[in-house]
């Protein structure tokens, strides 16, 4: 029987094995890098808003507490987005003619709410309750980053399930005293793990990693 393939195909097939393996490895690495990238997660990417609200100015510069605007963060699942009436408490008196704030004034006049772009947008199949985390000693900074240094708001973390599980598996690495939850500058005076273990016991924090905890 005549030979179908030329003998050179033996060398070509042997050489192709490491090349294919290398392509698979490179492809897997590129896919993982894309999965972790800001393009996929939106982490560290400021989003356009109808009004360029600066947390750095209001929180760090003026000292406004998180709860002044996010009024339900301690009692409800949703942290609440402040109505324009909250903005106008101050801005009916200061910067009253600022063009940048005209959308706020128009919303206040007409009653049409501003359409903010949601920064931390979890999938619909994920249940998250702000009040539970706040009352268990999880600080704003832990999830949202150093908000008081953000001129425009961005998502600091990936919000992937693996990130959530870091805390759910080892809460002692992250929890802080309840009275320091809203303190942007707080750092533990002692070893975090020693403090965390004590707070886990004191606050009765469970390591909740069952699927039903978040997927209901």
Protein backbone atom coordinates (compact mmCIF):
# COMPACT_ATOMS: atom_id res chain seq x y z
CA UNK A 1 0.00 0.00 0.00
CA UNK A 2 1.31 3.41 -0.96
CA UNK A 3 2.27 5.75 1.87
CA UNK A 4 -0.41 8.46 2.27
CA UNK A 5 1.62 11.03 4.21
CA UNK A 6 5.15 12.13 3.52
CA UNK A 7 7.71 11.11 6.15
CA UNK A 8 8.19 14.76 7.09
CA UNK A 9 4.75 14.65 8.71
CA UNK A 10 6.25 12.60 11.55
CA UNK A 11 8.50 15.49 12.52
CA UNK A 12 5.71 18.02 12.01
CA UNK A 13 3.29 16.10 14.25
CA UNK A 14 5.90 15.76 17.00
CA UNK A 15 6.69 19.46 16.85
CA UNK A 16 3.00 20.40 16.88
CA UNK A 17 2.38 18.76 20.30
CA UNK A 18 4.32 21.34 22.40
CA UNK A 19 3.02 24.14 20.17
CA UNK A 20 -0.60 23.13 20.78
CA UNK A 21 0.12 22.75 24.51
CA UNK A 22 1.69 26.21 24.57
CA UNK A 23 -1.31 27.71 22.77
CA UNK A 24 -3.68 26.12 25.28
CA UNK A 25 -1.66 27.49 28.21
CA UNK A 26 -1.42 30.96 26.68
CA UNK A 27 -5.14 30.94 25.84
CA UNK A 28 -6.05 29.89 29.39
CA UNK A 29 -3.80 32.57 30.84
CA UNK A 30 -5.25 35.24 28.58
CA UNK A 31 -8.80 34.18 29.48
CA UNK A 32 -8.01 34.34 33.20
CA UNK A 33 -6.39 37.77 32.81
CA UNK A 34 -9.47 39.03 30.96
CA UNK A 35 -11.71 37.55 33.67
CA UNK A 36 -9.79 39.50 36.32
CA UNK A 37 -9.36 42.67 34.28
CA UNK A 38 -11.13 45.97 34.82
CA UNK A 39 -12.76 45.43 31.42
CA UNK A 40 -14.69 42.45 32.79
CA UNK A 41 -15.15 43.52 36.42
CA UNK A 42 -15.41 47.33 36.02
CA UNK A 43 -13.17 47.58 39.09
CA UNK A 44 -11.30 50.91 39.46
CA UNK A 45 -13.17 52.39 36.46
CA UNK A 46 -15.06 55.64 37.28
CA UNK A 47 -18.52 55.67 35.72
CA UNK A 48 -20.25 58.66 34.16
CA UNK A 49 -23.04 60.12 36.28
CA UNK A 50 -25.64 62.83 35.65
CA UNK A 51 -23.78 64.91 38.26
CA UNK A 52 -20.04 64.34 38.96
CA UNK A 53 -20.47 63.84 42.71
CA UNK A 54 -17.16 63.79 44.61
CA UNK A 55 -17.00 61.66 47.74
CA UNK A 56 -13.51 63.05 48.37
CA UNK A 57 -14.91 66.57 48.64
CA UNK A 58 -18.01 65.73 50.66
CA UNK A 59 -16.60 63.01 52.95
CA UNK A 60 -12.94 63.88 53.34
CA UNK A 61 -13.18 67.62 52.77
CA UNK A 62 -16.47 68.43 54.53
CA UNK A 63 -16.60 65.50 56.94
CA UNK A 64 -20.09 64.30 55.98
CA UNK A 65 -20.87 60.89 57.47
CA UNK A 66 -21.87 58.05 55.12
CA UNK A 67 -25.23 57.74 56.87
CA UNK A 68 -26.25 61.31 56.08
CA UNK A 69 -26.90 60.24 52.48
CA UNK A 70 -27.11 56.45 52.77
CA UNK A 71 -29.78 56.56 55.43
CA UNK A 72 -30.88 52.90 55.45
CA UNK A 73 -27.48 51.22 55.41
CA UNK A 74 -27.83 50.10 59.06
CA UNK A 75 -31.42 48.89 58.84
CA UNK A 76 -32.13 47.62 55.32
CA UNK A 77 -30.68 45.47 52.58
CA UNK A 78 -30.20 48.48 50.29
CA UNK A 79 -27.95 51.35 51.38
CA UNK A 80 -30.28 53.89 49.73
CA UNK A 81 -29.45 56.56 47.18
CA UNK A 82 -30.23 60.01 48.57
CA UNK A 83 -33.07 61.97 46.98
CA UNK A 84 -32.28 65.40 45.58
CA UNK A 85 -33.96 66.91 48.65
CA UNK A 86 -30.92 65.75 50.61
CA UNK A 87 -28.61 67.51 48.17
CA UNK A 88 -30.71 70.66 48.26
CA UNK A 89 -30.48 70.86 52.04
CA UNK A 90 -27.07 72.42 51.43
CA UNK A 91 -27.23 73.44 47.79
CA UNK A 92 -30.26 75.66 48.19
CA UNK A 93 -27.84 77.86 50.13
CA UNK A 94 -24.43 77.28 48.51
CA UNK A 95 -23.36 76.95 44.87
CA UNK A 96 -26.93 77.87 43.95
CA UNK A 97 -25.99 78.97 40.42
CA UNK A 98 -23.47 76.26 39.59
CA UNK A 99 -24.10 74.86 36.07
CA UNK A 100 -22.77 71.49 37.23
CA UNK A 101 -25.62 71.25 39.76
CA UNK A 102 -28.39 72.24 37.37
CA UNK A 103 -29.56 68.59 36.98
CA UNK A 104 -30.07 68.50 40.76
CA UNK A 105 -32.07 71.72 40.76
CA UNK A 106 -34.13 70.61 37.77
CA UNK A 107 -34.93 67.31 39.45
CA UNK A 108 -35.96 69.18 42.60
CA UNK A 109 -38.20 71.55 40.59
CA UNK A 110 -39.86 68.92 38.42
CA UNK A 111 -39.95 65.93 40.77
CA UNK A 112 -38.26 63.74 38.15
CA UNK A 113 -35.53 61.70 39.91
CA UNK A 114 -31.97 61.71 38.68
CA UNK A 115 -30.99 58.54 36.85
CA UNK A 116 -27.73 57.57 38.55
CA UNK A 117 -25.52 54.88 37.06
CA UNK A 118 -25.26 52.07 39.58
CA UNK A 119 -21.63 51.45 40.51
CA UNK A 120 -21.90 48.29 42.63
CA UNK A 121 -24.32 46.18 40.61
CA UNK A 122 -24.59 42.58 41.79
CA UNK A 123 -26.32 39.99 39.59
CA UNK A 124 -30.04 39.56 40.21
CA UNK A 125 -29.49 36.04 41.54
CA UNK A 126 -27.34 37.31 44.43
CA UNK A 127 -28.92 38.40 47.72
CA UNK A 128 -26.93 40.96 49.69
CA UNK A 129 -28.00 42.77 52.85
CA UNK A 130 -26.07 45.87 53.89
CA UNK A 131 -27.54 45.98 57.38
CA UNK A 132 -26.33 42.47 58.28
CA UNK A 133 -22.77 43.25 57.28
CA UNK A 134 -22.71 46.68 58.95
CA UNK A 135 -24.06 45.30 62.22
CA UNK A 136 -21.53 42.48 62.19
CA UNK A 137 -18.63 44.93 61.98
CA UNK A 138 -17.80 44.99 58.26
CA UNK A 139 -16.49 48.46 57.43
CA UNK A 140 -17.43 50.50 54.37
CA UNK A 141 -13.77 50.50 53.31
CA UNK A 142 -13.62 46.68 53.31
CA UNK A 143 -15.99 46.43 50.36
CA UNK A 144 -16.04 49.89 48.80
CA UNK A 145 -12.42 50.92 49.21
CA UNK A 146 -11.18 54.32 50.36
CA UNK A 147 -14.32 56.13 49.25
CA UNK A 148 -13.27 59.35 50.96
CA UNK A 149 -10.40 59.61 48.46
CA UNK A 150 -12.50 59.09 45.32
CA UNK A 151 -13.21 62.25 43.28
CA UNK A 152 -15.57 60.10 41.22
CA UNK A 153 -17.05 56.85 42.48
CA UNK A 154 -15.75 53.55 41.20
CA UNK A 155 -16.02 49.90 42.16
CA UNK A 156 -12.93 48.97 44.14
CA UNK A 157 -13.30 45.16 44.22
CA UNK A 158 -14.24 42.55 41.63
CA UNK A 159 -17.50 41.58 43.41
CA UNK A 160 -16.84 38.01 42.28
CA UNK A 161 -18.04 35.19 44.52
CA UNK A 162 -14.46 34.19 45.33
CA UNK A 163 -13.92 37.68 46.78
CA UNK A 164 -17.04 37.42 48.97
CA UNK A 165 -15.94 33.99 50.21
CA UNK A 166 -12.62 35.37 51.45
CA UNK A 167 -14.52 37.14 54.20
CA UNK A 168 -17.20 34.49 54.71
CA UNK A 169 -14.53 31.86 55.29
CA UNK A 170 -12.27 33.99 57.48
CA UNK A 171 -14.28 36.90 58.90
CA UNK A 172 -11.66 37.50 61.59
CA UNK A 173 -9.39 38.97 58.91
CA UNK A 174 -11.83 41.77 58.10
CA UNK A 175 -14.24 42.66 60.91
CA UNK A 176 -13.81 45.75 63.06
CA UNK A 177 -15.59 47.26 66.08
CA UNK A 178 -19.12 48.36 65.16
CA UNK A 179 -18.40 51.94 66.19
CA UNK A 180 -15.63 52.04 63.56
CA UNK A 181 -17.63 50.71 60.60
CA UNK A 182 -18.02 54.17 59.03
CA UNK A 183 -14.54 55.39 59.94
CA UNK A 184 -12.54 55.69 56.73
CA UNK A 185 -9.20 56.07 58.49
CA UNK A 186 -9.50 53.37 61.17
CA UNK A 187 -6.72 50.81 61.48
CA UNK A 188 -6.52 48.20 64.26
CA UNK A 189 -4.24 49.24 67.12
CA UNK A 190 -3.48 45.58 67.75
CA UNK A 191 -3.08 42.53 65.56
CA UNK A 192 -6.09 42.22 63.24
CA UNK A 193 -6.43 38.48 63.73
CA UNK A 194 -6.44 38.75 67.52
CA UNK A 195 -9.02 41.54 67.37
CA UNK A 196 -11.01 39.72 64.70
CA UNK A 197 -11.23 36.46 66.64
CA UNK A 198 -12.52 38.34 69.66
CA UNK A 199 -15.11 40.23 67.60
CA UNK A 200 -16.25 37.08 65.79
CA UNK A 201 -17.06 35.56 69.15
CA UNK A 202 -18.55 38.75 70.61
CA UNK A 203 -20.75 39.52 67.57
CA UNK A 204 -21.68 35.84 67.06
CA UNK A 205 -20.42 35.83 63.48
CA UNK A 206 -20.88 32.54 61.64
CA UNK A 207 -18.78 31.34 58.72
CA UNK A 208 -21.67 31.20 56.28
CA UNK A 209 -20.55 29.53 53.06
CA UNK A 210 -23.69 27.58 52.08
CA UNK A 211 -25.00 28.44 48.62
CA UNK A 212 -28.39 29.43 50.11
CA UNK A 213 -26.76 32.22 52.11
CA UNK A 214 -26.57 34.43 49.03
CA UNK A 215 -28.47 32.49 46.35
CA UNK A 216 -32.09 32.31 47.47
